[in-house]
Amino acid sequence: MSNNAHIIAKLNDLARSAMGIASKVFVTDGVASLPPEDLSDIRQKVETCNDFSDDNNPYGERDFGAFHHGEHHIFWKIDYYNKTLDAGSEDPADPAVTTRVLTIMLASEY
C-alpha cells in the first residue's frame, strides 16, 4: 500500500466512524425509507466496518463496503470532493483540501 493510500485509508476510517463530523453523509431514498431502527443498525455497520480484503479494497483506501441487512443488500462509498463540493479533490490524502462524502445506499440504487 502506498503512503498516500495509507493516509487516505485512515481518513476514510475516521469519516465512517465520525459520520457527519469527519464527512458529509448522504442516505439514498431507499435507505431513508427503511424503519428508523434499521437505519440505526445500518449506520452502525458502516461505522464499524473492518472487513477489507484485496478483493473489495484493491487500492487500500477503504472507501467502499457492502453487507446484508435483513433482506437488503447495502452499499456504502466515500467520494473525495474539493472544499466547495463542485469538483473532485486534487489530493484526497490532504484533509485541508478535501471533503469526504459518505453515501449509504441500497445495492439496487447504485
N, C-alpha and C. Protein backbone atom coordinates (compact mmCIF):
# COMPACT_ATOMS: atom_id res chain seq x y z
N MET A 1 0.86 -1.17 0.00
CA MET A 1 0.00 0.00 0.00
C MET A 1 0.90 1.24 0.00
N SER A 2 0.60 2.18 -0.88
CA SER A 2 1.38 3.40 -0.95
C SER A 2 1.13 4.25 0.30
N ASN A 3 2.03 5.17 0.57
CA ASN A 3 1.87 6.05 1.72
C ASN A 3 0.58 6.85 1.61
N ASN A 4 0.26 7.37 0.40
CA ASN A 4 -0.99 8.11 0.22
C ASN A 4 -2.19 7.23 0.49
N ALA A 5 -2.17 5.98 0.02
CA ALA A 5 -3.29 5.07 0.26
C ALA A 5 -3.45 4.82 1.75
N HIS A 6 -2.35 4.71 2.46
CA HIS A 6 -2.40 4.50 3.92
C HIS A 6 -3.03 5.72 4.61
N ILE A 7 -2.66 6.91 4.21
CA ILE A 7 -3.22 8.14 4.78
C ILE A 7 -4.70 8.23 4.44
N ILE A 8 -5.04 7.98 3.18
CA ILE A 8 -6.45 8.04 2.74
C ILE A 8 -7.28 7.02 3.50
N ALA A 9 -6.76 5.81 3.70
CA ALA A 9 -7.49 4.78 4.44
C ALA A 9 -7.79 5.24 5.86
N LYS A 10 -6.81 5.84 6.53
CA LYS A 10 -7.03 6.33 7.90
C LYS A 10 -8.07 7.46 7.92
N LEU A 11 -8.02 8.36 6.94
CA LEU A 11 -9.01 9.43 6.86
C LEU A 11 -10.39 8.87 6.55
N ASN A 12 -10.47 7.83 5.72
CA ASN A 12 -11.76 7.21 5.42
C ASN A 12 -12.32 6.48 6.63
N ASP A 13 -11.45 5.83 7.41
CA ASP A 13 -11.91 5.20 8.65
C ASP A 13 -12.51 6.24 9.58
N LEU A 14 -11.86 7.38 9.68
CA LEU A 14 -12.37 8.47 10.51
C LEU A 14 -13.69 8.99 9.96
N ALA A 15 -13.79 9.13 8.64
CA ALA A 15 -15.03 9.61 8.01
C ALA A 15 -16.20 8.70 8.35
N ARG A 16 -15.96 7.40 8.40
CA ARG A 16 -17.04 6.45 8.73
C ARG A 16 -17.34 6.44 10.23
N SER A 17 -16.30 6.46 11.05
CA SER A 17 -16.54 6.33 12.49
C SER A 17 -17.03 7.63 13.13
N ALA A 18 -16.80 8.75 12.47
CA ALA A 18 -17.27 10.05 12.96
C ALA A 18 -18.20 10.66 11.91
N MET A 19 -19.19 9.85 11.48
CA MET A 19 -20.13 10.28 10.44
C MET A 19 -20.73 11.63 10.77
N GLY A 20 -20.71 12.51 9.78
CA GLY A 20 -21.31 13.82 9.95
C GLY A 20 -20.36 14.83 10.58
N ILE A 21 -19.27 14.36 11.15
CA ILE A 21 -18.26 15.25 11.72
C ILE A 21 -17.03 15.27 10.80
N ALA A 22 -16.55 14.09 10.45
CA ALA A 22 -15.37 13.99 9.59
C ALA A 22 -15.75 13.78 8.13
N SER A 23 -17.04 13.80 7.84
CA SER A 23 -17.52 13.65 6.46
C SER A 23 -18.95 14.18 6.38
N LYS A 24 -19.36 14.43 5.16
CA LYS A 24 -20.77 14.70 4.91
C LYS A 24 -21.40 13.35 4.63
N VAL A 25 -22.62 13.12 5.09
CA VAL A 25 -23.27 11.83 4.94
C VAL A 25 -24.56 12.00 4.17
N PHE A 26 -24.72 11.16 3.16
CA PHE A 26 -25.96 11.13 2.39
C PHE A 26 -26.51 9.72 2.42
N VAL A 27 -27.80 9.63 2.63
CA VAL A 27 -28.52 8.36 2.63
C VAL A 27 -29.51 8.44 1.48
N THR A 28 -29.50 7.44 0.62
CA THR A 28 -30.40 7.45 -0.53
C THR A 28 -31.85 7.27 -0.09
N ASP A 29 -32.77 7.55 -0.99
CA ASP A 29 -34.19 7.43 -0.68
C ASP A 29 -34.56 6.02 -0.23
N GLY A 30 -33.96 5.01 -0.85
CA GLY A 30 -34.28 3.63 -0.48
C GLY A 30 -33.92 3.31 0.94
N VAL A 31 -32.75 3.74 1.37
CA VAL A 31 -32.32 3.50 2.76
C VAL A 31 -33.13 4.38 3.70
N ALA A 32 -33.37 5.62 3.32
CA ALA A 32 -34.14 6.54 4.18
C ALA A 32 -35.56 6.05 4.41
N SER A 33 -36.09 5.25 3.49
CA SER A 33 -37.47 4.77 3.64
C SER A 33 -37.58 3.56 4.57
N LEU A 34 -36.46 3.03 5.03
CA LEU A 34 -36.48 1.90 5.95
C LEU A 34 -36.87 2.38 7.34
N PRO A 35 -37.36 1.48 8.18
CA PRO A 35 -37.71 1.87 9.55
C PRO A 35 -36.49 2.45 10.29
N PRO A 36 -36.73 3.38 11.21
CA PRO A 36 -35.62 4.04 11.93
C PRO A 36 -34.65 3.07 12.58
N GLU A 37 -35.14 1.98 13.15
CA GLU A 37 -34.23 1.03 13.81
C GLU A 37 -33.31 0.35 12.79
N ASP A 38 -33.81 0.13 11.56
CA ASP A 38 -32.96 -0.42 10.51
C ASP A 38 -31.89 0.59 10.12
N LEU A 39 -32.27 1.83 9.97
CA LEU A 39 -31.31 2.87 9.60
C LEU A 39 -30.22 2.98 10.66
N SER A 40 -30.60 2.92 11.92
CA SER A 40 -29.62 2.97 13.01
C SER A 40 -28.66 1.78 12.93
N ASP A 41 -29.18 0.59 12.70
CA ASP A 41 -28.34 -0.61 12.59
C ASP A 41 -27.41 -0.51 11.39
N ILE A 42 -27.91 -0.01 10.27
CA ILE A 42 -27.11 0.13 9.06
C ILE A 42 -25.97 1.12 9.29
N ARG A 43 -26.27 2.25 9.90
CA ARG A 43 -25.22 3.24 10.19
C ARG A 43 -24.15 2.63 11.09
N GLN A 44 -24.56 1.85 12.08
CA GLN A 44 -23.60 1.22 12.97
C GLN A 44 -22.71 0.25 12.20
N LYS A 45 -23.29 -0.51 11.28
CA LYS A 45 -22.49 -1.46 10.48
C LYS A 45 -21.48 -0.72 9.60
N VAL A 46 -21.88 0.42 9.05
CA VAL A 46 -20.94 1.21 8.25
C VAL A 46 -19.83 1.76 9.14
N GLU A 47 -20.21 2.31 10.29
CA GLU A 47 -19.22 2.90 11.21
C GLU A 47 -18.18 1.90 11.68
N THR A 48 -18.58 0.66 11.86
CA THR A 48 -17.68 -0.34 12.45
C THR A 48 -17.11 -1.31 11.43
N CYS A 49 -17.35 -1.09 10.16
CA CYS A 49 -16.87 -1.99 9.11
C CYS A 49 -15.36 -2.15 9.19
N ASN A 50 -14.91 -3.38 9.19
CA ASN A 50 -13.47 -3.65 9.14
C ASN A 50 -13.17 -4.88 8.28
N ASP A 51 -14.11 -5.23 7.41
CA ASP A 51 -13.98 -6.39 6.54
C ASP A 51 -13.41 -5.97 5.19
N PHE A 52 -12.12 -5.70 5.16
CA PHE A 52 -11.47 -5.25 3.94
C PHE A 52 -10.46 -6.31 3.50
N SER A 53 -10.47 -6.59 2.21
CA SER A 53 -9.54 -7.56 1.64
C SER A 53 -9.06 -7.04 0.29
N ASP A 54 -8.16 -7.78 -0.32
CA ASP A 54 -7.69 -7.38 -1.66
C ASP A 54 -8.84 -7.40 -2.66
N ASP A 55 -9.84 -8.26 -2.44
CA ASP A 55 -10.97 -8.36 -3.36
C ASP A 55 -11.87 -7.13 -3.31
N ASN A 56 -12.16 -6.62 -2.11
CA ASN A 56 -13.09 -5.49 -2.00
C ASN A 56 -12.39 -4.17 -1.70
N ASN A 57 -11.06 -4.20 -1.64
CA ASN A 57 -10.31 -2.99 -1.30
C ASN A 57 -8.99 -2.99 -2.09
N PRO A 58 -9.07 -3.06 -3.42
CA PRO A 58 -7.86 -3.26 -4.22
C PRO A 58 -6.84 -2.12 -4.14
N TYR A 59 -7.26 -0.91 -3.81
CA TYR A 59 -6.34 0.22 -3.75
C TYR A 59 -5.93 0.56 -2.32
N GLY A 60 -6.48 -0.17 -1.34
CA GLY A 60 -6.09 0.02 0.04
C GLY A 60 -6.64 1.27 0.71
N GLU A 61 -7.66 1.89 0.11
CA GLU A 61 -8.19 3.15 0.65
C GLU A 61 -9.41 2.98 1.55
N ARG A 62 -9.95 1.79 1.64
CA ARG A 62 -11.13 1.51 2.48
C ARG A 62 -12.26 2.52 2.22
N ASP A 63 -12.59 2.67 0.93
CA ASP A 63 -13.59 3.66 0.51
C ASP A 63 -14.90 3.05 0.03
N PHE A 64 -15.07 1.74 0.18
CA PHE A 64 -16.29 1.07 -0.27
C PHE A 64 -16.54 -0.15 0.60
N GLY A 65 -17.81 -0.42 0.83
CA GLY A 65 -18.18 -1.62 1.56
C GLY A 65 -19.56 -2.09 1.17
N ALA A 66 -19.83 -3.35 1.44
CA ALA A 66 -21.13 -3.95 1.14
C ALA A 66 -21.45 -4.97 2.22
N PHE A 67 -22.72 -5.06 2.56
CA PHE A 67 -23.16 -6.04 3.54
C PHE A 67 -24.67 -6.26 3.39
N HIS A 68 -25.16 -7.32 4.01
CA HIS A 68 -26.60 -7.58 4.02
C HIS A 68 -27.17 -7.10 5.34
N HIS A 69 -28.33 -6.52 5.25
CA HIS A 69 -29.09 -6.13 6.43
C HIS A 69 -30.50 -6.63 6.20
N GLY A 70 -30.87 -7.69 6.91
CA GLY A 70 -32.16 -8.32 6.64
C GLY A 70 -32.20 -8.78 5.19
N GLU A 71 -33.23 -8.36 4.49
CA GLU A 71 -33.37 -8.74 3.08
C GLU A 71 -32.69 -7.76 2.13
N HIS A 72 -32.04 -6.75 2.67
CA HIS A 72 -31.46 -5.69 1.85
C HIS A 72 -29.95 -5.86 1.71
N HIS A 73 -29.46 -5.62 0.50
CA HIS A 73 -28.03 -5.58 0.25
C HIS A 73 -27.64 -4.10 0.25
N ILE A 74 -26.77 -3.72 1.16
CA ILE A 74 -26.39 -2.32 1.38
C ILE A 74 -24.99 -2.07 0.85
N PHE A 75 -24.81 -0.95 0.15
CA PHE A 75 -23.50 -0.46 -0.26
C PHE A 75 -23.24 0.85 0.47
N TRP A 76 -22.00 1.12 0.74
CA TRP A 76 -21.58 2.45 1.17
C TRP A 76 -20.30 2.79 0.40
N LYS A 77 -20.11 4.08 0.13
CA LYS A 77 -18.90 4.50 -0.58
C LYS A 77 -18.53 5.90 -0.13
N ILE A 78 -17.25 6.19 -0.24
CA ILE A 78 -16.73 7.51 0.10
C ILE A 78 -16.14 8.12 -1.16
N ASP A 79 -16.58 9.34 -1.46
CA ASP A 79 -16.04 10.10 -2.58
C ASP A 79 -15.30 11.31 -2.04
N TYR A 80 -14.35 11.81 -2.84
CA TYR A 80 -13.48 12.91 -2.43
C TYR A 80 -13.77 14.14 -3.27
N TYR A 81 -14.21 15.20 -2.63
CA TYR A 81 -14.52 16.46 -3.30
C TYR A 81 -13.63 17.57 -2.77
N ASN A 82 -13.55 18.65 -3.55
CA ASN A 82 -12.87 19.84 -3.05
C ASN A 82 -13.75 20.47 -1.97
N LYS A 83 -13.27 21.50 -1.33
CA LYS A 83 -13.99 22.09 -0.19
C LYS A 83 -15.31 22.76 -0.59
N THR A 84 -15.46 23.17 -1.85
CA THR A 84 -16.72 23.78 -2.29
C THR A 84 -17.67 22.76 -2.92
N LEU A 85 -17.27 21.52 -2.93
CA LEU A 85 -18.09 20.41 -3.43
C LEU A 85 -18.51 20.55 -4.90
N ASP A 86 -17.72 21.29 -5.68
CA ASP A 86 -18.08 21.46 -7.08
C ASP A 86 -17.13 20.72 -8.03
N ALA A 87 -16.18 19.99 -7.46
CA ALA A 87 -15.24 19.19 -8.27
C ALA A 87 -14.57 18.18 -7.35
N GLY A 88 -13.91 17.22 -7.96
CA GLY A 88 -13.17 16.25 -7.18
C GLY A 88 -11.98 16.89 -6.49
N SER A 89 -11.53 16.26 -5.43
CA SER A 89 -10.37 16.76 -4.70
C SER A 89 -9.10 16.50 -5.51
N GLU A 90 -8.20 17.45 -5.48
CA GLU A 90 -6.91 17.28 -6.14
C GLU A 90 -5.99 16.35 -5.34
N ASP A 91 -6.25 16.22 -4.03
CA ASP A 91 -5.39 15.40 -3.19
C ASP A 91 -6.19 14.81 -2.03
N PRO A 92 -6.82 13.64 -2.23
CA PRO A 92 -7.63 13.03 -1.17
C PRO A 92 -6.86 12.72 0.12
N ALA A 93 -5.54 12.73 0.07
CA ALA A 93 -4.75 12.49 1.28
C ALA A 93 -4.58 13.75 2.12
N ASP A 94 -5.04 14.89 1.60
CA ASP A 94 -4.89 16.17 2.31
C ASP A 94 -6.26 16.66 2.78
N PRO A 95 -6.57 16.53 4.07
CA PRO A 95 -7.87 16.96 4.56
C PRO A 95 -8.11 18.47 4.45
N ALA A 96 -7.05 19.24 4.27
CA ALA A 96 -7.21 20.69 4.13
C ALA A 96 -7.86 21.06 2.81
N VAL A 97 -7.79 20.17 1.82
CA VAL A 97 -8.37 20.48 0.50
C VAL A 97 -9.45 19.48 0.10
N THR A 98 -9.83 18.59 1.02
CA THR A 98 -10.75 17.51 0.68
C THR A 98 -11.94 17.45 1.63
N THR A 99 -13.12 17.30 1.06
CA THR A 99 -14.32 16.97 1.82
C THR A 99 -14.71 15.56 1.44
N ARG A 100 -14.84 14.71 2.43
CA ARG A 100 -15.27 13.34 2.18
C ARG A 100 -16.79 13.29 2.23
N VAL A 101 -17.38 12.61 1.23
CA VAL A 101 -18.82 12.44 1.16
C VAL A 101 -19.09 10.95 1.22
N LEU A 102 -19.76 10.54 2.29
CA LEU A 102 -20.11 9.14 2.52
C LEU A 102 -21.56 8.94 2.11
N THR A 103 -21.78 8.03 1.18
CA THR A 103 -23.13 7.72 0.71
C THR A 103 -23.48 6.30 1.11
N ILE A 104 -24.66 6.13 1.69
CA ILE A 104 -25.17 4.81 2.08
C ILE A 104 -26.40 4.55 1.22
N MET A 105 -26.42 3.39 0.54
CA MET A 105 -27.48 3.12 -0.44
C MET A 105 -27.84 1.65 -0.47
N LEU A 106 -29.03 1.38 -0.99
CA LEU A 106 -29.38 0.02 -1.35
C LEU A 106 -28.56 -0.34 -2.58
N ALA A 107 -28.12 -1.59 -2.68
CA ALA A 107 -27.35 -2.00 -3.85
C ALA A 107 -28.12 -1.75 -5.15
N SER A 108 -29.43 -1.87 -5.09
CA SER A 108 -30.25 -1.66 -6.29
C SER A 108 -30.26 -0.19 -6.73
N GLU A 109 -29.82 0.72 -5.87
CA GLU A 109 -29.78 2.14 -6.22
C GLU A 109 -28.43 2.56 -6.80
N TYR A 110 -27.49 1.67 -6.83
CA TYR A 110 -26.14 2.00 -7.31
C TYR A 110 -26.14 2.23 -8.80
